[in-house]
Amino acid sequence: GDALQLFRYRFMWICGLIQYIRLG
């Protein structure tokens, strides 16, 4: 559950979206 808490943070979502584009 500690790992899933990261989905609550907007900062991590922005990083995740850039990661989405990077490897895509």
PDBML (XML) file of the C-alpha atoms, coordinates in Angstrom:
<?xml version="1.0" encoding="UTF-8" ?>
<PDBx:datablock datablockName="MODEL"
   xmlns:PDBx="http://pdbml.pdb.org/schema/pdbx-v50.xsd"
   xmlns:xsi="http://www.w3.org/2001/XMLSchema-instance"
   xsi:schemaLocation="http://pdbml.pdb.org/schema/pdbx-v50.xsd pdbx-v50.xsd">
   <PDBx:atom_siteCategory>
      <PDBx:atom_site id="1">
         <PDBx:B_iso_or_equiv>0.00</PDBx:B_iso_or_equiv>
         <PDBx:Cartn_x>0.000</PDBx:Cartn_x>
         <PDBx:Cartn_y>0.000</PDBx:Cartn_y>
         <PDBx:Cartn_z>0.000</PDBx:Cartn_z>
         <PDBx:auth_asym_id>A</PDBx:auth_asym_id>
         <PDBx:auth_atom_id>CA</PDBx:auth_atom_id>
         <PDBx:auth_comp_id>GLY</PDBx:auth_comp_id>
         <PDBx:auth_seq_id>1</PDBx:auth_seq_id>
         <PDBx:group_PDB>ATOM</PDBx:group_PDB>
         <PDBx:label_alt_id xsi:nil="true" />
         <PDBx:label_asym_id>A</PDBx:label_asym_id>
         <PDBx:label_atom_id>CA</PDBx:label_atom_id>
         <PDBx:label_comp_id>GLY</PDBx:label_comp_id>
         <PDBx:label_entity_id>1</PDBx:label_entity_id>
         <PDBx:label_seq_id>1</PDBx:label_seq_id>
         <PDBx:occupancy>1.00</PDBx:occupancy>
         <PDBx:pdbx_PDB_model_num>1</PDBx:pdbx_PDB_model_num>
         <PDBx:type_symbol>C</PDBx:type_symbol>
      </PDBx:atom_site>
      <PDBx:atom_site id="2">
         <PDBx:B_iso_or_equiv>0.00</PDBx:B_iso_or_equiv>
         <PDBx:Cartn_x>2.965</PDBx:Cartn_x>
         <PDBx:Cartn_y>2.336</PDBx:Cartn_y>
         <PDBx:Cartn_z>0.574</PDBx:Cartn_z>
         <PDBx:auth_asym_id>A</PDBx:auth_asym_id>
         <PDBx:auth_atom_id>CA</PDBx:auth_atom_id>
         <PDBx:auth_comp_id>ASP</PDBx:auth_comp_id>
         <PDBx:auth_seq_id>2</PDBx:auth_seq_id>
         <PDBx:group_PDB>ATOM</PDBx:group_PDB>
         <PDBx:label_alt_id xsi:nil="true" />
         <PDBx:label_asym_id>A</PDBx:label_asym_id>
         <PDBx:label_atom_id>CA</PDBx:label_atom_id>
         <PDBx:label_comp_id>ASP</PDBx:label_comp_id>
         <PDBx:label_entity_id>1</PDBx:label_entity_id>
         <PDBx:label_seq_id>2</PDBx:label_seq_id>
         <PDBx:occupancy>1.00</PDBx:occupancy>
         <PDBx:pdbx_PDB_model_num>1</PDBx:pdbx_PDB_model_num>
         <PDBx:type_symbol>C</PDBx:type_symbol>
      </PDBx:atom_site>
      <PDBx:atom_site id="3">
         <PDBx:B_iso_or_equiv>0.00</PDBx:B_iso_or_equiv>
         <PDBx:Cartn_x>3.902</PDBx:Cartn_x>
         <PDBx:Cartn_y>1.927</PDBx:Cartn_y>
         <PDBx:Cartn_z>-3.067</PDBx:Cartn_z>
         <PDBx:auth_asym_id>A</PDBx:auth_asym_id>
         <PDBx:auth_atom_id>CA</PDBx:auth_atom_id>
         <PDBx:auth_comp_id>ALA</PDBx:auth_comp_id>
         <PDBx:auth_seq_id>3</PDBx:auth_seq_id>
         <PDBx:group_PDB>ATOM</PDBx:group_PDB>
         <PDBx:label_alt_id xsi:nil="true" />
         <PDBx:label_asym_id>A</PDBx:label_asym_id>
         <PDBx:label_atom_id>CA</PDBx:label_atom_id>
         <PDBx:label_comp_id>ALA</PDBx:label_comp_id>
         <PDBx:label_entity_id>1</PDBx:label_entity_id>
         <PDBx:label_seq_id>3</PDBx:label_seq_id>
         <PDBx:occupancy>1.00</PDBx:occupancy>
         <PDBx:pdbx_PDB_model_num>1</PDBx:pdbx_PDB_model_num>
         <PDBx:type_symbol>C</PDBx:type_symbol>
      </PDBx:atom_site>
      <PDBx:atom_site id="4">
         <PDBx:B_iso_or_equiv>0.00</PDBx:B_iso_or_equiv>
         <PDBx:Cartn_x>0.356</PDBx:Cartn_x>
         <PDBx:Cartn_y>2.628</PDBx:Cartn_y>
         <PDBx:Cartn_z>-4.214</PDBx:Cartn_z>
         <PDBx:auth_asym_id>A</PDBx:auth_asym_id>
         <PDBx:auth_atom_id>CA</PDBx:auth_atom_id>
         <PDBx:auth_comp_id>LEU</PDBx:auth_comp_id>
         <PDBx:auth_seq_id>4</PDBx:auth_seq_id>
         <PDBx:group_PDB>ATOM</PDBx:group_PDB>
         <PDBx:label_alt_id xsi:nil="true" />
         <PDBx:label_asym_id>A</PDBx:label_asym_id>
         <PDBx:label_atom_id>CA</PDBx:label_atom_id>
         <PDBx:label_comp_id>LEU</PDBx:label_comp_id>
         <PDBx:label_entity_id>1</PDBx:label_entity_id>
         <PDBx:label_seq_id>4</PDBx:label_seq_id>
         <PDBx:occupancy>1.00</PDBx:occupancy>
         <PDBx:pdbx_PDB_model_num>1</PDBx:pdbx_PDB_model_num>
         <PDBx:type_symbol>C</PDBx:type_symbol>
      </PDBx:atom_site>
      <PDBx:atom_site id="5">
         <PDBx:B_iso_or_equiv>0.00</PDBx:B_iso_or_equiv>
         <PDBx:Cartn_x>0.369</PDBx:Cartn_x>
         <PDBx:Cartn_y>5.874</PDBx:Cartn_y>
         <PDBx:Cartn_z>-2.208</PDBx:Cartn_z>
         <PDBx:auth_asym_id>A</PDBx:auth_asym_id>
         <PDBx:auth_atom_id>CA</PDBx:auth_atom_id>
         <PDBx:auth_comp_id>GLN</PDBx:auth_comp_id>
         <PDBx:auth_seq_id>5</PDBx:auth_seq_id>
         <PDBx:group_PDB>ATOM</PDBx:group_PDB>
         <PDBx:label_alt_id xsi:nil="true" />
         <PDBx:label_asym_id>A</PDBx:label_asym_id>
         <PDBx:label_atom_id>CA</PDBx:label_atom_id>
         <PDBx:label_comp_id>GLN</PDBx:label_comp_id>
         <PDBx:label_entity_id>1</PDBx:label_entity_id>
         <PDBx:label_seq_id>5</PDBx:label_seq_id>
         <PDBx:occupancy>1.00</PDBx:occupancy>
         <PDBx:pdbx_PDB_model_num>1</PDBx:pdbx_PDB_model_num>
         <PDBx:type_symbol>C</PDBx:type_symbol>
      </PDBx:atom_site>
      <PDBx:atom_site id="6">
         <PDBx:B_iso_or_equiv>0.00</PDBx:B_iso_or_equiv>
         <PDBx:Cartn_x>2.619</PDBx:Cartn_x>
         <PDBx:Cartn_y>7.342</PDBx:Cartn_y>
         <PDBx:Cartn_z>-4.908</PDBx:Cartn_z>
         <PDBx:auth_asym_id>A</PDBx:auth_asym_id>
         <PDBx:auth_atom_id>CA</PDBx:auth_atom_id>
         <PDBx:auth_comp_id>LEU</PDBx:auth_comp_id>
         <PDBx:auth_seq_id>6</PDBx:auth_seq_id>
         <PDBx:group_PDB>ATOM</PDBx:group_PDB>
         <PDBx:label_alt_id xsi:nil="true" />
         <PDBx:label_asym_id>A</PDBx:label_asym_id>
         <PDBx:label_atom_id>CA</PDBx:label_atom_id>
         <PDBx:label_comp_id>LEU</PDBx:label_comp_id>
         <PDBx:label_entity_id>1</PDBx:label_entity_id>
         <PDBx:label_seq_id>6</PDBx:label_seq_id>
         <PDBx:occupancy>1.00</PDBx:occupancy>
         <PDBx:pdbx_PDB_model_num>1</PDBx:pdbx_PDB_model_num>
         <PDBx:type_symbol>C</PDBx:type_symbol>
      </PDBx:atom_site>
      <PDBx:atom_site id="7">
         <PDBx:B_iso_or_equiv>0.00</PDBx:B_iso_or_equiv>
         <PDBx:Cartn_x>-0.420</PDBx:Cartn_x>
         <PDBx:Cartn_y>7.589</PDBx:Cartn_y>
         <PDBx:Cartn_z>-7.190</PDBx:Cartn_z>
         <PDBx:auth_asym_id>A</PDBx:auth_asym_id>
         <PDBx:auth_atom_id>CA</PDBx:auth_atom_id>
         <PDBx:auth_comp_id>PHE</PDBx:auth_comp_id>
         <PDBx:auth_seq_id>7</PDBx:auth_seq_id>
         <PDBx:group_PDB>ATOM</PDBx:group_PDB>
         <PDBx:label_alt_id xsi:nil="true" />
         <PDBx:label_asym_id>A</PDBx:label_asym_id>
         <PDBx:label_atom_id>CA</PDBx:label_atom_id>
         <PDBx:label_comp_id>PHE</PDBx:label_comp_id>
         <PDBx:label_entity_id>1</PDBx:label_entity_id>
         <PDBx:label_seq_id>7</PDBx:label_seq_id>
         <PDBx:occupancy>1.00</PDBx:occupancy>
         <PDBx:pdbx_PDB_model_num>1</PDBx:pdbx_PDB_model_num>
         <PDBx:type_symbol>C</PDBx:type_symbol>
      </PDBx:atom_site>
      <PDBx:atom_site id="8">
         <PDBx:B_iso_or_equiv>0.00</PDBx:B_iso_or_equiv>
         <PDBx:Cartn_x>-1.712</PDBx:Cartn_x>
         <PDBx:Cartn_y>10.352</PDBx:Cartn_y>
         <PDBx:Cartn_z>-4.907</PDBx:Cartn_z>
         <PDBx:auth_asym_id>A</PDBx:auth_asym_id>
         <PDBx:auth_atom_id>CA</PDBx:auth_atom_id>
         <PDBx:auth_comp_id>ARG</PDBx:auth_comp_id>
         <PDBx:auth_seq_id>8</PDBx:auth_seq_id>
         <PDBx:group_PDB>ATOM</PDBx:group_PDB>
         <PDBx:label_alt_id xsi:nil="true" />
         <PDBx:label_asym_id>A</PDBx:label_asym_id>
         <PDBx:label_atom_id>CA</PDBx:label_atom_id>
         <PDBx:label_comp_id>ARG</PDBx:label_comp_id>
         <PDBx:label_entity_id>1</PDBx:label_entity_id>
         <PDBx:label_seq_id>8</PDBx:label_seq_id>
         <PDBx:occupancy>1.00</PDBx:occupancy>
         <PDBx:pdbx_PDB_model_num>1</PDBx:pdbx_PDB_model_num>
         <PDBx:type_symbol>C</PDBx:type_symbol>
      </PDBx:atom_site>
      <PDBx:atom_site id="9">
         <PDBx:B_iso_or_equiv>0.00</PDBx:B_iso_or_equiv>
         <PDBx:Cartn_x>1.126</PDBx:Cartn_x>
         <PDBx:Cartn_y>12.740</PDBx:Cartn_y>
         <PDBx:Cartn_z>-5.738</PDBx:Cartn_z>
         <PDBx:auth_asym_id>A</PDBx:auth_asym_id>
         <PDBx:auth_atom_id>CA</PDBx:auth_atom_id>
         <PDBx:auth_comp_id>TYR</PDBx:auth_comp_id>
         <PDBx:auth_seq_id>9</PDBx:auth_seq_id>
         <PDBx:group_PDB>ATOM</PDBx:group_PDB>
         <PDBx:label_alt_id xsi:nil="true" />
         <PDBx:label_asym_id>A</PDBx:label_asym_id>
         <PDBx:label_atom_id>CA</PDBx:label_atom_id>
         <PDBx:label_comp_id>TYR</PDBx:label_comp_id>
         <PDBx:label_entity_id>1</PDBx:label_entity_id>
         <PDBx:label_seq_id>9</PDBx:label_seq_id>
         <PDBx:occupancy>1.00</PDBx:occupancy>
         <PDBx:pdbx_PDB_model_num>1</PDBx:pdbx_PDB_model_num>
         <PDBx:type_symbol>C</PDBx:type_symbol>
      </PDBx:atom_site>
      <PDBx:atom_site id="10">
         <PDBx:B_iso_or_equiv>0.00</PDBx:B_iso_or_equiv>
         <PDBx:Cartn_x>0.824</PDBx:Cartn_x>
         <PDBx:Cartn_y>15.099</PDBx:Cartn_y>
         <PDBx:Cartn_z>-8.712</PDBx:Cartn_z>
         <PDBx:auth_asym_id>A</PDBx:auth_asym_id>
         <PDBx:auth_atom_id>CA</PDBx:auth_atom_id>
         <PDBx:auth_comp_id>ARG</PDBx:auth_comp_id>
         <PDBx:auth_seq_id>10</PDBx:auth_seq_id>
         <PDBx:group_PDB>ATOM</PDBx:group_PDB>
         <PDBx:label_alt_id xsi:nil="true" />
         <PDBx:label_asym_id>A</PDBx:label_asym_id>
         <PDBx:label_atom_id>CA</PDBx:label_atom_id>
         <PDBx:label_comp_id>ARG</PDBx:label_comp_id>
         <PDBx:label_entity_id>1</PDBx:label_entity_id>
         <PDBx:label_seq_id>10</PDBx:label_seq_id>
         <PDBx:occupancy>1.00</PDBx:occupancy>
         <PDBx:pdbx_PDB_model_num>1</PDBx:pdbx_PDB_model_num>
         <PDBx:type_symbol>C</PDBx:type_symbol>
      </PDBx:atom_site>
      <PDBx:atom_site id="11">
         <PDBx:B_iso_or_equiv>0.00</PDBx:B_iso_or_equiv>
         <PDBx:Cartn_x>4.610</PDBx:Cartn_x>
         <PDBx:Cartn_y>15.358</PDBx:Cartn_y>
         <PDBx:Cartn_z>-8.910</PDBx:Cartn_z>
         <PDBx:auth_asym_id>A</PDBx:auth_asym_id>
         <PDBx:auth_atom_id>CA</PDBx:auth_atom_id>
         <PDBx:auth_comp_id>PHE</PDBx:auth_comp_id>
         <PDBx:auth_seq_id>11</PDBx:auth_seq_id>
         <PDBx:group_PDB>ATOM</PDBx:group_PDB>
         <PDBx:label_alt_id xsi:nil="true" />
         <PDBx:label_asym_id>A</PDBx:label_asym_id>
         <PDBx:label_atom_id>CA</PDBx:label_atom_id>
         <PDBx:label_comp_id>PHE</PDBx:label_comp_id>
         <PDBx:label_entity_id>1</PDBx:label_entity_id>
         <PDBx:label_seq_id>11</PDBx:label_seq_id>
         <PDBx:occupancy>1.00</PDBx:occupancy>
         <PDBx:pdbx_PDB_model_num>1</PDBx:pdbx_PDB_model_num>
         <PDBx:type_symbol>C</PDBx:type_symbol>
      </PDBx:atom_site>
      <PDBx:atom_site id="12">
         <PDBx:B_iso_or_equiv>0.00</PDBx:B_iso_or_equiv>
         <PDBx:Cartn_x>4.846</PDBx:Cartn_x>
         <PDBx:Cartn_y>11.598</PDBx:Cartn_y>
         <PDBx:Cartn_z>-9.511</PDBx:Cartn_z>
         <PDBx:auth_asym_id>A</PDBx:auth_asym_id>
         <PDBx:auth_atom_id>CA</PDBx:auth_atom_id>
         <PDBx:auth_comp_id>MET</PDBx:auth_comp_id>
         <PDBx:auth_seq_id>12</PDBx:auth_seq_id>
         <PDBx:group_PDB>ATOM</PDBx:group_PDB>
         <PDBx:label_alt_id xsi:nil="true" />
         <PDBx:label_asym_id>A</PDBx:label_asym_id>
         <PDBx:label_atom_id>CA</PDBx:label_atom_id>
         <PDBx:label_comp_id>MET</PDBx:label_comp_id>
         <PDBx:label_entity_id>1</PDBx:label_entity_id>
         <PDBx:label_seq_id>12</PDBx:label_seq_id>
         <PDBx:occupancy>1.00</PDBx:occupancy>
         <PDBx:pdbx_PDB_model_num>1</PDBx:pdbx_PDB_model_num>
         <PDBx:type_symbol>C</PDBx:type_symbol>
      </PDBx:atom_site>
      <PDBx:atom_site id="13">
         <PDBx:B_iso_or_equiv>0.00</PDBx:B_iso_or_equiv>
         <PDBx:Cartn_x>2.087</PDBx:Cartn_x>
         <PDBx:Cartn_y>11.723</PDBx:Cartn_y>
         <PDBx:Cartn_z>-12.122</PDBx:Cartn_z>
         <PDBx:auth_asym_id>A</PDBx:auth_asym_id>
         <PDBx:auth_atom_id>CA</PDBx:auth_atom_id>
         <PDBx:auth_comp_id>TRP</PDBx:auth_comp_id>
         <PDBx:auth_seq_id>13</PDBx:auth_seq_id>
         <PDBx:group_PDB>ATOM</PDBx:group_PDB>
         <PDBx:label_alt_id xsi:nil="true" />
         <PDBx:label_asym_id>A</PDBx:label_asym_id>
         <PDBx:label_atom_id>CA</PDBx:label_atom_id>
         <PDBx:label_comp_id>TRP</PDBx:label_comp_id>
         <PDBx:label_entity_id>1</PDBx:label_entity_id>
         <PDBx:label_seq_id>13</PDBx:label_seq_id>
         <PDBx:occupancy>1.00</PDBx:occupancy>
         <PDBx:pdbx_PDB_model_num>1</PDBx:pdbx_PDB_model_num>
         <PDBx:type_symbol>C</PDBx:type_symbol>
      </PDBx:atom_site>
      <PDBx:atom_site id="14">
         <PDBx:B_iso_or_equiv>0.00</PDBx:B_iso_or_equiv>
         <PDBx:Cartn_x>4.005</PDBx:Cartn_x>
         <PDBx:Cartn_y>14.356</PDBx:Cartn_y>
         <PDBx:Cartn_z>-14.112</PDBx:Cartn_z>
         <PDBx:auth_asym_id>A</PDBx:auth_asym_id>
         <PDBx:auth_atom_id>CA</PDBx:auth_atom_id>
         <PDBx:auth_comp_id>ILE</PDBx:auth_comp_id>
         <PDBx:auth_seq_id>14</PDBx:auth_seq_id>
         <PDBx:group_PDB>ATOM</PDBx:group_PDB>
         <PDBx:label_alt_id xsi:nil="true" />
         <PDBx:label_asym_id>A</PDBx:label_asym_id>
         <PDBx:label_atom_id>CA</PDBx:label_atom_id>
         <PDBx:label_comp_id>ILE</PDBx:label_comp_id>
         <PDBx:label_entity_id>1</PDBx:label_entity_id>
         <PDBx:label_seq_id>14</PDBx:label_seq_id>
         <PDBx:occupancy>1.00</PDBx:occupancy>
         <PDBx:pdbx_PDB_model_num>1</PDBx:pdbx_PDB_model_num>
         <PDBx:type_symbol>C</PDBx:type_symbol>
      </PDBx:atom_site>
      <PDBx:atom_site id="15">
         <PDBx:B_iso_or_equiv>0.00</PDBx:B_iso_or_equiv>
         <PDBx:Cartn_x>7.163</PDBx:Cartn_x>
         <PDBx:Cartn_y>12.247</PDBx:Cartn_y>
         <PDBx:Cartn_z>-13.902</PDBx:Cartn_z>
         <PDBx:auth_asym_id>A</PDBx:auth_asym_id>
         <PDBx:auth_atom_id>CA</PDBx:auth_atom_id>
         <PDBx:auth_comp_id>CYS</PDBx:auth_comp_id>
         <PDBx:auth_seq_id>15</PDBx:auth_seq_id>
         <PDBx:group_PDB>ATOM</PDBx:group_PDB>
         <PDBx:label_alt_id xsi:nil="true" />
         <PDBx:label_asym_id>A</PDBx:label_asym_id>
         <PDBx:label_atom_id>CA</PDBx:label_atom_id>
         <PDBx:label_comp_id>CYS</PDBx:label_comp_id>
         <PDBx:label_entity_id>1</PDBx:label_entity_id>
         <PDBx:label_seq_id>15</PDBx:label_seq_id>
         <PDBx:occupancy>1.00</PDBx:occupancy>
         <PDBx:pdbx_PDB_model_num>1</PDBx:pdbx_PDB_model_num>
         <PDBx:type_symbol>C</PDBx:type_symbol>
      </PDBx:atom_site>
      <PDBx:atom_site id="16">
         <PDBx:B_iso_or_equiv>0.00</PDBx:B_iso_or_equiv>
         <PDBx:Cartn_x>5.111</PDBx:Cartn_x>
         <PDBx:Cartn_y>9.230</PDBx:Cartn_y>
         <PDBx:Cartn_z>-14.951</PDBx:Cartn_z>
         <PDBx:auth_asym_id>A</PDBx:auth_asym_id>
         <PDBx:auth_atom_id>CA</PDBx:auth_atom_id>
         <PDBx:auth_comp_id>GLY</PDBx:auth_comp_id>
         <PDBx:auth_seq_id>16</PDBx:auth_seq_id>
         <PDBx:group_PDB>ATOM</PDBx:group_PDB>
         <PDBx:label_alt_id xsi:nil="true" />
         <PDBx:label_asym_id>A</PDBx:label_asym_id>
         <PDBx:label_atom_id>CA</PDBx:label_atom_id>
         <PDBx:label_comp_id>GLY</PDBx:label_comp_id>
         <PDBx:label_entity_id>1</PDBx:label_entity_id>
         <PDBx:label_seq_id>16</PDBx:label_seq_id>
         <PDBx:occupancy>1.00</PDBx:occupancy>
         <PDBx:pdbx_PDB_model_num>1</PDBx:pdbx_PDB_model_num>
         <PDBx:type_symbol>C</PDBx:type_symbol>
      </PDBx:atom_site>
      <PDBx:atom_site id="17">
         <PDBx:B_iso_or_equiv>0.00</PDBx:B_iso_or_equiv>
         <PDBx:Cartn_x>3.673</PDBx:Cartn_x>
         <PDBx:Cartn_y>10.993</PDBx:Cartn_y>
         <PDBx:Cartn_z>-18.008</PDBx:Cartn_z>
         <PDBx:auth_asym_id>A</PDBx:auth_asym_id>
         <PDBx:auth_atom_id>CA</PDBx:auth_atom_id>
         <PDBx:auth_comp_id>LEU</PDBx:auth_comp_id>
         <PDBx:auth_seq_id>17</PDBx:auth_seq_id>
         <PDBx:group_PDB>ATOM</PDBx:group_PDB>
         <PDBx:label_alt_id xsi:nil="true" />
         <PDBx:label_asym_id>A</PDBx:label_asym_id>
         <PDBx:label_atom_id>CA</PDBx:label_atom_id>
         <PDBx:label_comp_id>LEU</PDBx:label_comp_id>
         <PDBx:label_entity_id>1</PDBx:label_entity_id>
         <PDBx:label_seq_id>17</PDBx:label_seq_id>
         <PDBx:occupancy>1.00</PDBx:occupancy>
         <PDBx:pdbx_PDB_model_num>1</PDBx:pdbx_PDB_model_num>
         <PDBx:type_symbol>C</PDBx:type_symbol>
      </PDBx:atom_site>
      <PDBx:atom_site id="18">
         <PDBx:B_iso_or_equiv>0.00</PDBx:B_iso_or_equiv>
         <PDBx:Cartn_x>7.139</PDBx:Cartn_x>
         <PDBx:Cartn_y>12.005</PDBx:Cartn_y>
         <PDBx:Cartn_z>-19.179</PDBx:Cartn_z>
         <PDBx:auth_asym_id>A</PDBx:auth_asym_id>
         <PDBx:auth_atom_id>CA</PDBx:auth_atom_id>
         <PDBx:auth_comp_id>ILE</PDBx:auth_comp_id>
         <PDBx:auth_seq_id>18</PDBx:auth_seq_id>
         <PDBx:group_PDB>ATOM</PDBx:group_PDB>
         <PDBx:label_alt_id xsi:nil="true" />
         <PDBx:label_asym_id>A</PDBx:label_asym_id>
         <PDBx:label_atom_id>CA</PDBx:label_atom_id>
         <PDBx:label_comp_id>ILE</PDBx:label_comp_id>
         <PDBx:label_entity_id>1</PDBx:label_entity_id>
         <PDBx:label_seq_id>18</PDBx:label_seq_id>
         <PDBx:occupancy>1.00</PDBx:occupancy>
         <PDBx:pdbx_PDB_model_num>1</PDBx:pdbx_PDB_model_num>
         <PDBx:type_symbol>C</PDBx:type_symbol>
      </PDBx:atom_site>
      <PDBx:atom_site id="19">
         <PDBx:B_iso_or_equiv>0.00</PDBx:B_iso_or_equiv>
         <PDBx:Cartn_x>8.274</PDBx:Cartn_x>
         <PDBx:Cartn_y>8.415</PDBx:Cartn_y>
         <PDBx:Cartn_z>-18.602</PDBx:Cartn_z>
         <PDBx:auth_asym_id>A</PDBx:auth_asym_id>
         <PDBx:auth_atom_id>CA</PDBx:auth_atom_id>
         <PDBx:auth_comp_id>GLN</PDBx:auth_comp_id>
         <PDBx:auth_seq_id>19</PDBx:auth_seq_id>
         <PDBx:group_PDB>ATOM</PDBx:group_PDB>
         <PDBx:label_alt_id xsi:nil="true" />
         <PDBx:label_asym_id>A</PDBx:label_asym_id>
         <PDBx:label_atom_id>CA</PDBx:label_atom_id>
         <PDBx:label_comp_id>GLN</PDBx:label_comp_id>
         <PDBx:label_entity_id>1</PDBx:label_entity_id>
         <PDBx:label_seq_id>19</PDBx:label_seq_id>
         <PDBx:occupancy>1.00</PDBx:occupancy>
         <PDBx:pdbx_PDB_model_num>1</PDBx:pdbx_PDB_model_num>
         <PDBx:type_symbol>C</PDBx:type_symbol>
      </PDBx:atom_site>
      <PDBx:atom_site id="20">
         <PDBx:B_iso_or_equiv>0.00</PDBx:B_iso_or_equiv>
         <PDBx:Cartn_x>5.290</PDBx:Cartn_x>
         <PDBx:Cartn_y>7.258</PDBx:Cartn_y>
         <PDBx:Cartn_z>-20.691</PDBx:Cartn_z>
         <PDBx:auth_asym_id>A</PDBx:auth_asym_id>
         <PDBx:auth_atom_id>CA</PDBx:auth_atom_id>
         <PDBx:auth_comp_id>TYR</PDBx:auth_comp_id>
         <PDBx:auth_seq_id>20</PDBx:auth_seq_id>
         <PDBx:group_PDB>ATOM</PDBx:group_PDB>
         <PDBx:label_alt_id xsi:nil="true" />
         <PDBx:label_asym_id>A</PDBx:label_asym_id>
         <PDBx:label_atom_id>CA</PDBx:label_atom_id>
         <PDBx:label_comp_id>TYR</PDBx:label_comp_id>
         <PDBx:label_entity_id>1</PDBx:label_entity_id>
         <PDBx:label_seq_id>20</PDBx:label_seq_id>
         <PDBx:occupancy>1.00</PDBx:occupancy>
         <PDBx:pdbx_PDB_model_num>1</PDBx:pdbx_PDB_model_num>
         <PDBx:type_symbol>C</PDBx:type_symbol>
      </PDBx:atom_site>
      <PDBx:atom_site id="21">
         <PDBx:B_iso_or_equiv>0.00</PDBx:B_iso_or_equiv>
         <PDBx:Cartn_x>6.540</PDBx:Cartn_x>
         <PDBx:Cartn_y>9.370</PDBx:Cartn_y>
         <PDBx:Cartn_z>-23.583</PDBx:Cartn_z>
         <PDBx:auth_asym_id>A</PDBx:auth_asym_id>
         <PDBx:auth_atom_id>CA</PDBx:auth_atom_id>
         <PDBx:auth_comp_id>ILE</PDBx:auth_comp_id>
         <PDBx:auth_seq_id>21</PDBx:auth_seq_id>
         <PDBx:group_PDB>ATOM</PDBx:group_PDB>
         <PDBx:label_alt_id xsi:nil="true" />
         <PDBx:label_asym_id>A</PDBx:label_asym_id>
         <PDBx:label_atom_id>CA</PDBx:label_atom_id>
         <PDBx:label_comp_id>ILE</PDBx:label_comp_id>
         <PDBx:label_entity_id>1</PDBx:label_entity_id>
         <PDBx:label_seq_id>21</PDBx:label_seq_id>
         <PDBx:occupancy>1.00</PDBx:occupancy>
         <PDBx:pdbx_PDB_model_num>1</PDBx:pdbx_PDB_model_num>
         <PDBx:type_symbol>C</PDBx:type_symbol>
      </PDBx:atom_site>
      <PDBx:atom_site id="22">
         <PDBx:B_iso_or_equiv>0.00</PDBx:B_iso_or_equiv>
         <PDBx:Cartn_x>10.222</PDBx:Cartn_x>
         <PDBx:Cartn_y>8.541</PDBx:Cartn_y>
         <PDBx:Cartn_z>-23.041</PDBx:Cartn_z>
         <PDBx:auth_asym_id>A</PDBx:auth_asym_id>
         <PDBx:auth_atom_id>CA</PDBx:auth_atom_id>
         <PDBx:auth_comp_id>ARG</PDBx:auth_comp_id>
         <PDBx:auth_seq_id>22</PDBx:auth_seq_id>
         <PDBx:group_PDB>ATOM</PDBx:group_PDB>
         <PDBx:label_alt_id xsi:nil="true" />
         <PDBx:label_asym_id>A</PDBx:label_asym_id>
         <PDBx:label_atom_id>CA</PDBx:label_atom_id>
         <PDBx:label_comp_id>ARG</PDBx:label_comp_id>
         <PDBx:label_entity_id>1</PDBx:label_entity_id>
         <PDBx:label_seq_id>22</PDBx:label_seq_id>
         <PDBx:occupancy>1.00</PDBx:occupancy>
         <PDBx:pdbx_PDB_model_num>1</PDBx:pdbx_PDB_model_num>
         <PDBx:type_symbol>C</PDBx:type_symbol>
      </PDBx:atom_site>
      <PDBx:atom_site id="23">
         <PDBx:B_iso_or_equiv>0.00</PDBx:B_iso_or_equiv>
         <PDBx:Cartn_x>9.945</PDBx:Cartn_x>
         <PDBx:Cartn_y>4.782</PDBx:Cartn_y>
         <PDBx:Cartn_z>-23.474</PDBx:Cartn_z>
         <PDBx:auth_asym_id>A</PDBx:auth_asym_id>
         <PDBx:auth_atom_id>CA</PDBx:auth_atom_id>
         <PDBx:auth_comp_id>LEU</PDBx:auth_comp_id>
         <PDBx:auth_seq_id>23</PDBx:auth_seq_id>
         <PDBx:group_PDB>ATOM</PDBx:group_PDB>
         <PDBx:label_alt_id xsi:nil="true" />
         <PDBx:label_asym_id>A</PDBx:label_asym_id>
         <PDBx:label_atom_id>CA</PDBx:label_atom_id>
         <PDBx:label_comp_id>LEU</PDBx:label_comp_id>
         <PDBx:label_entity_id>1</PDBx:label_entity_id>
         <PDBx:label_seq_id>23</PDBx:label_seq_id>
         <PDBx:occupancy>1.00</PDBx:occupancy>
         <PDBx:pdbx_PDB_model_num>1</PDBx:pdbx_PDB_model_num>
         <PDBx:type_symbol>C</PDBx:type_symbol>
      </PDBx:atom_site>
      <PDBx:atom_site id="24">
         <PDBx:B_iso_or_equiv>0.00</PDBx:B_iso_or_equiv>
         <PDBx:Cartn_x>7.068</PDBx:Cartn_x>
         <PDBx:Cartn_y>5.033</PDBx:Cartn_y>
         <PDBx:Cartn_z>-25.939</PDBx:Cartn_z>
         <PDBx:auth_asym_id>A</PDBx:auth_asym_id>
         <PDBx:auth_atom_id>CA</PDBx:auth_atom_id>
         <PDBx:auth_comp_id>GLY</PDBx:auth_comp_id>
         <PDBx:auth_seq_id>24</PDBx:auth_seq_id>
         <PDBx:group_PDB>ATOM</PDBx:group_PDB>
         <PDBx:label_alt_id xsi:nil="true" />
         <PDBx:label_asym_id>A</PDBx:label_asym_id>
         <PDBx:label_atom_id>CA</PDBx:label_atom_id>
         <PDBx:label_comp_id>GLY</PDBx:label_comp_id>
         <PDBx:label_entity_id>1</PDBx:label_entity_id>
         <PDBx:label_seq_id>24</PDBx:label_seq_id>
         <PDBx:occupancy>1.00</PDBx:occupancy>
         <PDBx:pdbx_PDB_model_num>1</PDBx:pdbx_PDB_model_num>
         <PDBx:type_symbol>C</PDBx:type_symbol>
      </PDBx:atom_site>
   </PDBx:atom_siteCategory>
</PDBx:datablock>
